[in-house]
PDB file of all heavy atoms in Angstrom:
ATOM      1  N   VAL A   1      17.206  13.148 -17.536  1.00  0.00           N
ATOM      2  CA  VAL A   1      15.792  13.476 -17.348  1.00  0.00           C
ATOM      3  C   VAL A   1      15.359  12.960 -15.976  1.00  0.00           C
ATOM      4  O   VAL A   1      15.350  11.750 -15.745  1.00  0.00           O
ATOM      5  CB  VAL A   1      14.930  12.843 -18.454  1.00  0.00           C
ATOM      6  CG1 VAL A   1      13.458  13.179 -18.241  1.00  0.00           C
ATOM      7  CG2 VAL A   1      15.394  13.304 -19.824  1.00  0.00           C
ATOM      8  N   THR A   2      14.989  13.876 -15.089  1.00  0.00           N
ATOM      9  CA  THR A   2      14.701  13.464 -13.698  1.00  0.00           C
ATOM     10  C   THR A   2      13.371  13.970 -13.168  1.00  0.00           C
ATOM     11  O   THR A   2      13.014  13.688 -12.028  1.00  0.00           O
ATOM     12  CB  THR A   2      15.819  13.951 -12.766  1.00  0.00           C
ATOM     13  OG1 THR A   2      15.931  15.380 -12.861  1.00  0.00           O
ATOM     14  CG2 THR A   2      17.155  13.304 -13.120  1.00  0.00           C
ATOM     15  N   THR A   3      12.605  14.729 -13.972  1.00  0.00           N
ATOM     16  CA  THR A   3      11.335  15.281 -13.515  1.00  0.00           C
ATOM     17  C   THR A   3      10.241  14.987 -14.532  1.00  0.00           C
ATOM     18  O   THR A   3      10.509  14.642 -15.689  1.00  0.00           O
ATOM     19  CB  THR A   3      11.426  16.809 -13.335  1.00  0.00           C
ATOM     20  OG1 THR A   3      11.660  17.414 -14.617  1.00  0.00           O
ATOM     21  CG2 THR A   3      12.552  17.174 -12.376  1.00  0.00           C
ATOM     22  N   ASN A   4       8.994  15.151 -14.113  1.00  0.00           N
ATOM     23  CA  ASN A   4       7.876  14.951 -15.017  1.00  0.00           C
ATOM     24  C   ASN A   4       7.930  15.931 -16.175  1.00  0.00           C
ATOM     25  O   ASN A   4       7.688  15.558 -17.334  1.00  0.00           O
ATOM     26  CB  ASN A   4       6.548  15.101 -14.264  1.00  0.00           C
ATOM     27  CG  ASN A   4       5.344  14.871 -15.179  1.00  0.00           C
ATOM     28  OD1 ASN A   4       5.139  13.773 -15.685  1.00  0.00           O
ATOM     29  ND2 ASN A   4       4.541  15.921 -15.387  1.00  0.00           N
ATOM     30  N   ALA A   5       8.275  17.197 -15.863  1.00  0.00           N
ATOM     31  CA  ALA A   5       8.397  18.194 -16.931  1.00  0.00           C
ATOM     32  C   ALA A   5       9.488  17.793 -17.914  1.00  0.00           C
ATOM     33  O   ALA A   5       9.330  17.951 -19.131  1.00  0.00           O
ATOM     34  CB  ALA A   5       8.689  19.570 -16.329  1.00  0.00           C
ATOM     35  N   GLY A   6      10.578  17.268 -17.389  1.00  0.00           N
ATOM     36  CA  GLY A   6      11.656  16.803 -18.257  1.00  0.00           C
ATOM     37  C   GLY A   6      11.220  15.635 -19.115  1.00  0.00           C
ATOM     38  O   GLY A   6      11.587  15.535 -20.291  1.00  0.00           O
ATOM     39  N   PHE A   7      10.418  14.726 -18.550  1.00  0.00           N
ATOM     40  CA  PHE A   7       9.892  13.590 -19.299  1.00  0.00           C
ATOM     41  C   PHE A   7       9.033  14.071 -20.451  1.00  0.00           C
ATOM     42  O   PHE A   7       9.176  13.606 -21.606  1.00  0.00           O
ATOM     43  CB  PHE A   7       9.081  12.686 -18.366  1.00  0.00           C
ATOM     44  CG  PHE A   7       8.296  11.612 -19.065  1.00  0.00           C
ATOM     45  CD1 PHE A   7       8.898  10.434 -19.461  1.00  0.00           C
ATOM     46  CD2 PHE A   7       6.936  11.793 -19.329  1.00  0.00           C
ATOM     47  CE1 PHE A   7       8.170   9.439 -20.118  1.00  0.00           C
ATOM     48  CE2 PHE A   7       6.203  10.805 -19.976  1.00  0.00           C
ATOM     49  CZ  PHE A   7       6.819   9.624 -20.366  1.00  0.00           C
ATOM     50  N   LEU A   8       8.118  14.999 -20.181  1.00  0.00           N
ATOM     51  CA  LEU A   8       7.230  15.508 -21.214  1.00  0.00           C
ATOM     52  C   LEU A   8       8.023  16.175 -22.338  1.00  0.00           C
ATOM     53  O   LEU A   8       7.735  15.972 -23.526  1.00  0.00           O
ATOM     54  CB  LEU A   8       6.225  16.489 -20.610  1.00  0.00           C
ATOM     55  CG  LEU A   8       5.234  15.914 -19.589  1.00  0.00           C
ATOM     56  CD1 LEU A   8       4.388  17.028 -18.994  1.00  0.00           C
ATOM     57  CD2 LEU A   8       4.358  14.852 -20.228  1.00  0.00           C
ATOM     58  N   ASP A   9       9.015  16.954 -21.960  1.00  0.00           N
ATOM     59  CA  ASP A   9       9.828  17.637 -22.967  1.00  0.00           C
ATOM     60  C   ASP A   9      10.653  16.630 -23.775  1.00  0.00           C
ATOM     61  O   ASP A   9      10.781  16.764 -24.990  1.00  0.00           O
ATOM     62  CB  ASP A   9      10.754  18.652 -22.290  1.00  0.00           C
ATOM     63  CG  ASP A   9      11.626  19.388 -23.296  1.00  0.00           C
ATOM     64  OD1 ASP A   9      11.077  20.184 -24.086  1.00  0.00           O
ATOM     65  OD2 ASP A   9      12.848  19.160 -23.299  1.00  0.00           O
ATOM     66  N   TYR A  10      11.198  15.620 -23.097  1.00  0.00           N
ATOM     67  CA  TYR A  10      11.996  14.587 -23.769  1.00  0.00           C
ATOM     68  C   TYR A  10      11.166  13.865 -24.824  1.00  0.00           C
ATOM     69  O   TYR A  10      11.596  13.688 -25.972  1.00  0.00           O
ATOM     70  CB  TYR A  10      12.523  13.593 -22.732  1.00  0.00           C
ATOM     71  CG  TYR A  10      13.207  12.375 -23.304  1.00  0.00           C
ATOM     72  CD1 TYR A  10      14.521  12.439 -23.766  1.00  0.00           C
ATOM     73  CD2 TYR A  10      12.540  11.153 -23.377  1.00  0.00           C
ATOM     74  CE1 TYR A  10      15.148  11.321 -24.300  1.00  0.00           C
ATOM     75  CE2 TYR A  10      13.165  10.033 -23.905  1.00  0.00           C
ATOM     76  CZ  TYR A  10      14.466  10.118 -24.361  1.00  0.00           C
ATOM     77  OH  TYR A  10      15.076   8.997 -24.886  1.00  0.00           O
ATOM     78  N   VAL A  11       9.964  13.461 -24.451  1.00  0.00           N
ATOM     79  CA  VAL A  11       9.103  12.729 -25.376  1.00  0.00           C
ATOM     80  C   VAL A  11       8.674  13.621 -26.528  1.00  0.00           C
ATOM     81  O   VAL A  11       8.758  13.240 -27.705  1.00  0.00           O
ATOM     82  CB  VAL A  11       7.867  12.177 -24.633  1.00  0.00           C
ATOM     83  CG1 VAL A  11       6.877  11.573 -25.620  1.00  0.00           C
ATOM     84  CG2 VAL A  11       8.289  11.139 -23.609  1.00  0.00           C
ATOM     85  N   GLN A  12       8.231  14.835 -26.212  1.00  0.00           N
ATOM     86  CA  GLN A  12       7.724  15.732 -27.240  1.00  0.00           C
ATOM     87  C   GLN A  12       8.808  16.137 -28.238  1.00  0.00           C
ATOM     88  O   GLN A  12       8.617  16.058 -29.455  1.00  0.00           O
ATOM     89  CB  GLN A  12       7.129  16.980 -26.579  1.00  0.00           C
ATOM     90  CG  GLN A  12       6.584  18.030 -27.523  1.00  0.00           C
ATOM     91  CD  GLN A  12       5.314  17.600 -28.222  1.00  0.00           C
ATOM     92  OE1 GLN A  12       5.394  16.869 -29.205  1.00  0.00           O
ATOM     93  NE2 GLN A  12       4.166  18.055 -27.738  1.00  0.00           N
ATOM     94  N   SER A  13       9.963  16.547 -27.717  1.00  0.00           N
ATOM     95  CA  SER A  13      11.008  17.071 -28.602  1.00  0.00           C
ATOM     96  C   SER A  13      11.766  15.969 -29.319  1.00  0.00           C
ATOM     97  O   SER A  13      12.139  16.123 -30.496  1.00  0.00           O
ATOM     98  CB  SER A  13      11.994  17.931 -27.801  1.00  0.00           C
ATOM     99  OG  SER A  13      12.640  17.167 -26.785  1.00  0.00           O
ATOM    100  N   ASN A  14      11.976  14.847 -28.668  1.00  0.00           N
ATOM    101  CA  ASN A  14      12.832  13.819 -29.254  1.00  0.00           C
ATOM    102  C   ASN A  14      12.100  12.926 -30.242  1.00  0.00           C
ATOM    103  O   ASN A  14      12.694  12.432 -31.204  1.00  0.00           O
ATOM    104  CB  ASN A  14      13.436  12.955 -28.143  1.00  0.00           C
ATOM    105  CG  ASN A  14      14.766  12.355 -28.530  1.00  0.00           C
ATOM    106  OD1 ASN A  14      15.569  12.993 -29.196  1.00  0.00           O
ATOM    107  ND2 ASN A  14      15.002  11.120 -28.124  1.00  0.00           N
ATOM    108  N   PHE A  15      10.795  12.718 -30.032  1.00  0.00           N
ATOM    109  CA  PHE A  15      10.083  11.771 -30.870  1.00  0.00           C
ATOM    110  C   PHE A  15       8.955  12.375 -31.700  1.00  0.00           C
ATOM    111  O   PHE A  15       8.514  11.770 -32.673  1.00  0.00           O
ATOM    112  CB  PHE A  15       9.536  10.625 -30.016  1.00  0.00           C
ATOM    113  CG  PHE A  15      10.608   9.902 -29.269  1.00  0.00           C
ATOM    114  CD1 PHE A  15      10.640   9.890 -27.894  1.00  0.00           C
ATOM    115  CD2 PHE A  15      11.624   9.256 -29.955  1.00  0.00           C
ATOM    116  CE1 PHE A  15      11.658   9.237 -27.212  1.00  0.00           C
ATOM    117  CE2 PHE A  15      12.638   8.596 -29.290  1.00  0.00           C
ATOM    118  CZ  PHE A  15      12.657   8.589 -27.905  1.00  0.00           C
ATOM    119  N   PHE A  16       8.480  13.545 -31.334  1.00  0.00           N
ATOM    120  CA  PHE A  16       7.356  14.124 -32.068  1.00  0.00           C
ATOM    121  C   PHE A  16       7.628  15.540 -32.554  1.00  0.00           C
ATOM    122  O   PHE A  16       6.746  16.190 -33.102  1.00  0.00           O
ATOM    123  CB  PHE A  16       6.092  14.082 -31.194  1.00  0.00           C
ATOM    124  CG  PHE A  16       5.695  12.698 -30.793  1.00  0.00           C
ATOM    125  CD1 PHE A  16       5.966  12.217 -29.520  1.00  0.00           C
ATOM    126  CD2 PHE A  16       5.091  11.853 -31.705  1.00  0.00           C
ATOM    127  CE1 PHE A  16       5.621  10.928 -29.157  1.00  0.00           C
ATOM    128  CE2 PHE A  16       4.740  10.553 -31.348  1.00  0.00           C
ATOM    129  CZ  PHE A  16       5.006  10.090 -30.077  1.00  0.00           C
ATOM    130  N   LYS A  17       8.847  16.024 -32.341  1.00  0.00           N
ATOM    131  CA  LYS A  17       9.280  17.322 -32.853  1.00  0.00           C
ATOM    132  C   LYS A  17       8.291  18.440 -32.515  1.00  0.00           C
ATOM    133  O   LYS A  17       8.064  19.353 -33.297  1.00  0.00           O
ATOM    134  CB  LYS A  17       9.487  17.254 -34.373  1.00  0.00           C
ATOM    135  CG  LYS A  17      10.509  16.202 -34.789  1.00  0.00           C
ATOM    136  CD  LYS A  17      11.893  16.495 -34.210  1.00  0.00           C
ATOM    137  CE  LYS A  17      12.923  15.471 -34.668  1.00  0.00           C
ATOM    138  NZ  LYS A  17      12.794  14.173 -33.995  1.00  0.00           N
ATOM    139  N   GLY A  18       7.692  18.333 -31.326  1.00  0.00           N
ATOM    140  CA  GLY A  18       6.786  19.366 -30.870  1.00  0.00           C
ATOM    141  C   GLY A  18       5.398  19.309 -31.478  1.00  0.00           C
ATOM    142  O   GLY A  18       4.581  20.205 -31.252  1.00  0.00           O
ATOM    143  N   ASN A  19       5.102  18.241 -32.245  1.00  0.00           N
ATOM    144  CA  ASN A  19       3.835  18.177 -32.974  1.00  0.00           C
ATOM    145  C   ASN A  19       2.753  17.338 -32.305  1.00  0.00           C
ATOM    146  O   ASN A  19       1.638  17.241 -32.821  1.00  0.00           O
ATOM    147  CB  ASN A  19       4.084  17.621 -34.383  1.00  0.00           C
ATOM    148  CG  ASN A  19       4.936  18.550 -35.215  1.00  0.00           C
ATOM    149  OD1 ASN A  19       4.738  19.759 -35.211  1.00  0.00           O
ATOM    150  ND2 ASN A  19       5.908  17.979 -35.925  1.00  0.00           N
ATOM    151  N   LEU A  20       3.071  16.712 -31.174  1.00  0.00           N
ATOM    152  CA  LEU A  20       2.063  15.900 -30.496  1.00  0.00           C
ATOM    153  C   LEU A  20       1.133  16.815 -29.705  1.00  0.00           C
ATOM    154  O   LEU A  20       1.586  17.592 -28.870  1.00  0.00           O
ATOM    155  CB  LEU A  20       2.735  14.890 -29.560  1.00  0.00           C
ATOM    156  CG  LEU A  20       1.813  13.895 -28.848  1.00  0.00           C
ATOM    157  CD1 LEU A  20       1.139  12.986 -29.880  1.00  0.00           C
ATOM    158  CD2 LEU A  20       2.587  13.058 -27.832  1.00  0.00           C
ATOM    159  N   PRO A  21      -0.170  16.760 -29.963  1.00  0.00           N
ATOM    160  CA  PRO A  21      -1.110  17.600 -29.211  1.00  0.00           C
ATOM    161  C   PRO A  21      -0.959  17.389 -27.711  1.00  0.00           C
ATOM    162  O   PRO A  21      -0.692  16.270 -27.247  1.00  0.00           O
ATOM    163  CB  PRO A  21      -2.482  17.125 -29.714  1.00  0.00           C
ATOM    164  CG  PRO A  21      -2.204  16.585 -31.076  1.00  0.00           C
ATOM    165  CD  PRO A  21      -0.846  15.952 -30.987  1.00  0.00           C
ATOM    166  N   GLN A  22      -1.147  18.458 -26.961  1.00  0.00           N
ATOM    167  CA  GLN A  22      -0.929  18.405 -25.522  1.00  0.00           C
ATOM    168  C   GLN A  22      -1.795  17.341 -24.855  1.00  0.00           C
ATOM    169  O   GLN A  22      -1.357  16.662 -23.925  1.00  0.00           O
ATOM    170  CB  GLN A  22      -1.207  19.776 -24.896  1.00  0.00           C
ATOM    171  CG  GLN A  22      -0.820  19.882 -23.422  1.00  0.00           C
ATOM    172  CD  GLN A  22       0.672  19.714 -23.196  1.00  0.00           C
ATOM    173  OE1 GLN A  22       1.468  20.276 -23.939  1.00  0.00           O
ATOM    174  NE2 GLN A  22       1.048  18.967 -22.169  1.00  0.00           N
ATOM    175  N   ALA A  23      -3.026  17.201 -25.328  1.00  0.00           N
ATOM    176  CA  ALA A  23      -3.913  16.216 -24.718  1.00  0.00           C
ATOM    177  C   ALA A  23      -3.356  14.803 -24.865  1.00  0.00           C
ATOM    178  O   ALA A  23      -3.432  13.995 -23.919  1.00  0.00           O
ATOM    179  CB  ALA A  23      -5.299  16.303 -25.354  1.00  0.00           C
ATOM    180  N   GLU A  24      -2.783  14.502 -26.027  1.00  0.00           N
ATOM    181  CA  GLU A  24      -2.227  13.170 -26.224  1.00  0.00           C
ATOM    182  C   GLU A  24      -0.921  12.996 -25.463  1.00  0.00           C
ATOM    183  O   GLU A  24      -0.607  11.898 -24.987  1.00  0.00           O
ATOM    184  CB  GLU A  24      -2.024  12.905 -27.720  1.00  0.00           C
ATOM    185  CG  GLU A  24      -3.341  12.762 -28.471  1.00  0.00           C
ATOM    186  CD  GLU A  24      -3.146  12.394 -29.924  1.00  0.00           C
ATOM    187  OE1 GLU A  24      -2.301  13.035 -30.588  1.00  0.00           O
ATOM    188  OE2 GLU A  24      -3.841  11.481 -30.392  1.00  0.00           O
ATOM    189  N   LEU A  25      -0.149  14.075 -25.350  1.00  0.00           N
ATOM    190  CA  LEU A  25       1.069  14.012 -24.544  1.00  0.00           C
ATOM    191  C   LEU A  25       0.720  13.734 -23.094  1.00  0.00           C
ATOM    192  O   LEU A  25       1.367  12.905 -22.423  1.00  0.00           O
ATOM    193  CB  LEU A  25       1.845  15.321 -24.669  1.00  0.00           C
ATOM    194  CG  LEU A  25       3.163  15.405 -23.900  1.00  0.00           C
ATOM    195  CD1 LEU A  25       4.141  14.345 -24.400  1.00  0.00           C
ATOM    196  CD2 LEU A  25       3.782  16.802 -24.034  1.00  0.00           C
ATOM    197  N   ASN A  26      -0.313  14.393 -22.592  1.00  0.00           N
ATOM    198  CA  ASN A  26      -0.757  14.158 -21.212  1.00  0.00           C
ATOM    199  C   ASN A  26      -1.270  12.733 -21.045  1.00  0.00           C
ATOM    200  O   ASN A  26      -1.054  12.102 -19.994  1.00  0.00           O
ATOM    201  CB  ASN A  26      -1.853  15.153 -20.838  1.00  0.00           C
ATOM    202  CG  ASN A  26      -1.336  16.583 -20.740  1.00  0.00           C
ATOM    203  OD1 ASN A  26      -0.140  16.819 -20.577  1.00  0.00           O
ATOM    204  ND2 ASN A  26      -2.240  17.550 -20.838  1.00  0.00           N
ATOM    205  N   ALA A  27      -1.936  12.222 -22.082  1.00  0.00           N
ATOM    206  CA  ALA A  27      -2.431  10.850 -22.014  1.00  0.00           C
ATOM    207  C   ALA A  27      -1.279   9.856 -21.946  1.00  0.00           C
ATOM    208  O   ALA A  27      -1.330   8.862 -21.204  1.00  0.00           O
ATOM    209  CB  ALA A  27      -3.325  10.559 -23.218  1.00  0.00           C
ATOM    210  N   LEU A  28      -0.212  10.114 -22.711  1.00  0.00           N
ATOM    211  CA  LEU A  28       0.973   9.253 -22.637  1.00  0.00           C
ATOM    212  C   LEU A  28       1.594   9.292 -21.253  1.00  0.00           C
ATOM    213  O   LEU A  28       2.009   8.266 -20.705  1.00  0.00           O
ATOM    214  CB  LEU A  28       2.007   9.685 -23.680  1.00  0.00           C
ATOM    215  CG  LEU A  28       1.900   9.128 -25.089  1.00  0.00           C
ATOM    216  CD1 LEU A  28       3.025   9.673 -25.956  1.00  0.00           C
ATOM    217  CD2 LEU A  28       1.940   7.598 -25.083  1.00  0.00           C
ATOM    218  N   ALA A  29       1.661  10.494 -20.693  1.00  0.00           N
ATOM    219  CA  ALA A  29       2.243  10.633 -19.351  1.00  0.00           C
ATOM    220  C   ALA A  29       1.437   9.855 -18.323  1.00  0.00           C
ATOM    221  O   ALA A  29       2.008   9.257 -17.393  1.00  0.00           O
ATOM    222  CB  ALA A  29       2.315  12.110 -18.974  1.00  0.00           C
ATOM    223  N   ALA A  30       0.122   9.843 -18.493  1.00  0.00           N
ATOM    224  CA  ALA A  30      -0.724   9.102 -17.568  1.00  0.00           C
ATOM    225  C   ALA A  30      -0.602   7.593 -17.785  1.00  0.00           C
ATOM    226  O   ALA A  30      -0.611   6.806 -16.836  1.00  0.00           O
ATOM    227  CB  ALA A  30      -2.177   9.539 -17.726  1.00  0.00           C
ATOM    228  N   ALA A  31      -0.466   7.189 -19.042  1.00  0.00           N
ATOM    229  CA  ALA A  31      -0.360   5.762 -19.363  1.00  0.00           C
ATOM    230  C   ALA A  31       0.975   5.178 -18.925  1.00  0.00           C
ATOM    231  O   ALA A  31       1.079   3.984 -18.636  1.00  0.00           O
ATOM    232  CB  ALA A  31      -0.562   5.547 -20.856  1.00  0.00           C
ATOM    233  N   TYR A  32       1.996   6.040 -18.868  1.00  0.00           N
ATOM    234  CA  TYR A  32       3.335   5.618 -18.442  1.00  0.00           C
ATOM    235  C   TYR A  32       3.754   6.501 -17.264  1.00  0.00           C
ATOM    236  O   TYR A  32       4.507   7.456 -17.414  1.00  0.00           O
ATOM    237  CB  TYR A  32       4.321   5.721 -19.615  1.00  0.00           C
ATOM    238  CG  TYR A  32       3.989   4.744 -20.713  1.00  0.00           C
ATOM    239  CD1 TYR A  32       3.107   5.097 -21.735  1.00  0.00           C
ATOM    240  CD2 TYR A  32       4.510   3.458 -20.709  1.00  0.00           C
ATOM    241  CE1 TYR A  32       2.766   4.187 -22.730  1.00  0.00           C
ATOM    242  CE2 TYR A  32       4.178   2.543 -21.694  1.00  0.00           C
ATOM    243  CZ  TYR A  32       3.299   2.907 -22.702  1.00  0.00           C
ATOM    244  OH  TYR A  32       2.954   1.996 -23.679  1.00  0.00           O
ATOM    245  N   PRO A  33       3.261   6.164 -16.073  1.00  0.00           N
ATOM    246  CA  PRO A  33       3.497   7.018 -14.898  1.00  0.00           C
ATOM    247  C   PRO A  33       4.927   6.909 -14.375  1.00  0.00           C
ATOM    248  O   PRO A  33       5.671   5.979 -14.720  1.00  0.00           O
ATOM    249  CB  PRO A  33       2.491   6.478 -13.884  1.00  0.00           C
ATOM    250  CG  PRO A  33       2.341   5.029 -14.255  1.00  0.00           C
ATOM    251  CD  PRO A  33       2.433   4.993 -15.753  1.00  0.00           C
ATOM    252  N   SER A  34       5.287   7.856 -13.546  1.00  0.00           N
ATOM    253  CA  SER A  34       6.640   7.874 -12.971  1.00  0.00           C
ATOM    254  C   SER A  34       6.807   6.857 -11.848  1.00  0.00           C
ATOM    255  O   SER A  34       7.921   6.648 -11.367  1.00  0.00           O
ATOM    256  CB  SER A  34       6.987   9.278 -12.468  1.00  0.00           C
ATOM    257  OG  SER A  34       6.051   9.692 -11.488  1.00  0.00           O
ATOM    258  N   ASP A  35       5.736   6.210 -11.426  1.00  0.00           N
ATOM    259  CA  ASP A  35       5.787   5.177 -10.390  1.00  0.00           C
ATOM    260  C   ASP A  35       6.743   4.072 -10.839  1.00  0.00           C
ATOM    261  O   ASP A  35       6.460   3.367 -11.813  1.00  0.00           O
ATOM    262  CB  ASP A  35       4.387   4.625 -10.164  1.00  0.00           C
ATOM    263  CG  ASP A  35       4.355   3.496  -9.139  1.00  0.00           C
ATOM    264  OD1 ASP A  35       5.418   3.168  -8.564  1.00  0.00           O
ATOM    265  OD2 ASP A  35       3.261   2.937  -8.910  1.00  0.00           O
ATOM    266  N   PRO A  36       7.878   3.888 -10.163  1.00  0.00           N
ATOM    267  CA  PRO A  36       8.863   2.887 -10.632  1.00  0.00           C
ATOM    268  C   PRO A  36       8.330   1.463 -10.640  1.00  0.00           C
ATOM    269  O   PRO A  36       8.830   0.626 -11.398  1.00  0.00           O
ATOM    270  CB  PRO A  36      10.030   3.051  -9.648  1.00  0.00           C
ATOM    271  CG  PRO A  36       9.430   3.676  -8.444  1.00  0.00           C
ATOM    272  CD  PRO A  36       8.320   4.562  -8.934  1.00  0.00           C
ATOM    273  N   THR A  37       7.303   1.177  -9.853  1.00  0.00           N
ATOM    274  CA  THR A  37       6.757  -0.182  -9.850  1.00  0.00           C
ATOM    275  C   THR A  37       6.011  -0.492 -11.147  1.00  0.00           C
ATOM    276  O   THR A  37       5.749  -1.665 -11.443  1.00  0.00           O
ATOM    277  CB  THR A  37       5.808  -0.397  -8.665  1.00  0.00           C
ATOM    278  OG1 THR A  37       4.647   0.451  -8.812  1.00  0.00           O
ATOM    279  CG2 THR A  37       6.503  -0.071  -7.349  1.00  0.00           C
ATOM    280  N   GLN A  38       5.690   0.543 -11.933  1.00  0.00           N
ATOM    281  CA  GLN A  38       4.990   0.356 -13.195  1.00  0.00           C
ATOM    282  C   GLN A  38       5.933   0.405 -14.392  1.00  0.00           C
ATOM    283  O   GLN A  38       5.507   0.213 -15.534  1.00  0.00           O
ATOM    284  CB  GLN A  38       3.913   1.439 -13.364  1.00  0.00           C
ATOM    285  CG  GLN A  38       2.893   1.487 -12.249  1.00  0.00           C
ATOM    286  CD  GLN A  38       2.159   0.169 -12.090  1.00  0.00           C
ATOM    287  OE1 GLN A  38       1.593  -0.350 -13.047  1.00  0.00           O
ATOM    288  NE2 GLN A  38       2.171  -0.378 -10.887  1.00  0.00           N
ATOM    289  N   GLY A  39       7.212   0.686 -14.106  1.00  0.00           N
ATOM    290  CA  GLY A  39       8.160   0.881 -15.189  1.00  0.00           C
ATOM    291  C   GLY A  39       8.952  -0.355 -15.536  1.00  0.00           C
ATOM    292  O   GLY A  39       8.760  -1.440 -14.981  1.00  0.00           O
ATOM    293  N   SER A  40       9.864  -0.171 -16.470  1.00  0.00           N
ATOM    294  CA  SER A  40      10.699  -1.260 -16.983  1.00  0.00           C
ATOM    295  C   SER A  40      12.133  -1.108 -16.481  1.00  0.00           C
ATOM    296  O   SER A  40      12.674   0.011 -16.497  1.00  0.00           O
ATOM    297  CB  SER A  40      10.675  -1.231 -18.512  1.00  0.00           C
ATOM    298  OG  SER A  40      11.430  -2.267 -19.071  1.00  0.00           O
ATOM    299  N   PRO A  41      12.769  -2.190 -16.007  1.00  0.00           N
ATOM    300  CA  PRO A  41      12.349  -3.581 -16.065  1.00  0.00           C
ATOM    301  C   PRO A  41      11.043  -3.829 -15.305  1.00  0.00           C
ATOM    302  O   PRO A  41      10.936  -3.484 -14.118  1.00  0.00           O
ATOM    303  CB  PRO A  41      13.504  -4.349 -15.415  1.00  0.00           C
ATOM    304  CG  PRO A  41      14.684  -3.438 -15.517  1.00  0.00           C
ATOM    305  CD  PRO A  41      14.134  -2.066 -15.416  1.00  0.00           C
ATOM    306  N   PHE A  42      10.072  -4.414 -16.001  1.00  0.00           N
ATOM    307  CA  PHE A  42       8.762  -4.653 -15.429  1.00  0.00           C
ATOM    308  C   PHE A  42       8.835  -5.727 -14.338  1.00  0.00           C
ATOM    309  O   PHE A  42       9.692  -6.604 -14.350  1.00  0.00           O
ATOM    310  CB  PHE A  42       7.785  -5.083 -16.522  1.00  0.00           C
ATOM    311  CG  PHE A  42       7.544  -4.019 -17.557  1.00  0.00           C
ATOM    312  CD1 PHE A  42       8.076  -4.139 -18.840  1.00  0.00           C
ATOM    313  CD2 PHE A  42       6.795  -2.894 -17.253  1.00  0.00           C
ATOM    314  CE1 PHE A  42       7.855  -3.162 -19.796  1.00  0.00           C
ATOM    315  CE2 PHE A  42       6.568  -1.901 -18.196  1.00  0.00           C
ATOM    316  CZ  PHE A  42       7.102  -2.022 -19.470  1.00  0.00           C
ATOM    317  N   ASN A  43       7.908  -5.600 -13.399  1.00  0.00           N
ATOM    318  CA  ASN A  43       7.763  -6.578 -12.312  1.00  0.00           C
ATOM    319  C   ASN A  43       9.008  -6.681 -11.448  1.00  0.00           C
ATOM    320  O   ASN A  43       9.351  -7.756 -10.944  1.00  0.00           O
ATOM    321  CB  ASN A  43       7.400  -7.958 -12.877  1.00  0.00           C
ATOM    322  CG  ASN A  43       6.122  -7.920 -13.683  1.00  0.00           C
ATOM    323  OD1 ASN A  43       5.125  -7.323 -13.272  1.00  0.00           O
ATOM    324  ND2 ASN A  43       6.141  -8.541 -14.858  1.00  0.00           N
ATOM    325  N   THR A  44       9.706  -5.541 -11.271  1.00  0.00           N
ATOM    326  CA  THR A  44      10.875  -5.527 -10.379  1.00  0.00           C
ATOM    327  C   THR A  44      10.686  -4.520  -9.256  1.00  0.00           C
ATOM    328  O   THR A  44      11.649  -4.115  -8.614  1.00  0.00           O
ATOM    329  CB  THR A  44      12.157  -5.193 -11.173  1.00  0.00           C
ATOM    330  OG1 THR A  44      12.026  -3.917 -11.809  1.00  0.00           O
ATOM    331  CG2 THR A  44      12.448  -6.255 -12.214  1.00  0.00           C
ATOM    332  N   GLY A  45       9.452  -4.102  -9.021  1.00  0.00           N
ATOM    333  CA  GLY A  45       9.173  -3.202  -7.909  1.00  0.00           C
ATOM    334  C   GLY A  45       9.882  -1.872  -8.047  1.00  0.00           C
ATOM    335  O   GLY A  45       9.916  -1.272  -9.119  1.00  0.00           O
ATOM    336  N   THR A  46      10.477  -1.436  -6.963  1.00  0.00           N
ATOM    337  CA  THR A  46      11.199  -0.155  -6.973  1.00  0.00           C
ATOM    338  C   THR A  46      12.665  -0.322  -7.370  1.00  0.00           C
ATOM    339  O   THR A  46      13.398   0.669  -7.448  1.00  0.00           O
ATOM    340  CB  THR A  46      11.123   0.503  -5.588  1.00  0.00           C
ATOM    341  OG1 THR A  46      11.691  -0.396  -4.612  1.00  0.00           O
ATOM    342  CG2 THR A  46       9.674   0.822  -5.201  1.00  0.00           C
ATOM    343  N   ALA A  47      13.091  -1.534  -7.619  1.00  0.00           N
ATOM    344  CA  ALA A  47      14.482  -1.765  -8.012  1.00  0.00           C
ATOM    345  C   ALA A  47      14.751  -1.192  -9.397  1.00  0.00           C
ATOM    346  O   ALA A  47      13.846  -1.002 -10.202  1.00  0.00           O
ATOM    347  CB  ALA A  47      14.788  -3.261  -7.997  1.00  0.00           C
TER     348      ALA A  47
END
């Protein structure tokens, strides 16, 4: 999974079987952005 579209599809199909409303899926995408400085391992910058 290397793109935002791939992320959305991965989350929707793998964990919600296509049943998560689009608005909530978009909210998850916003809450967990692709910015590596916000991701895990946390507090490791772009590493």
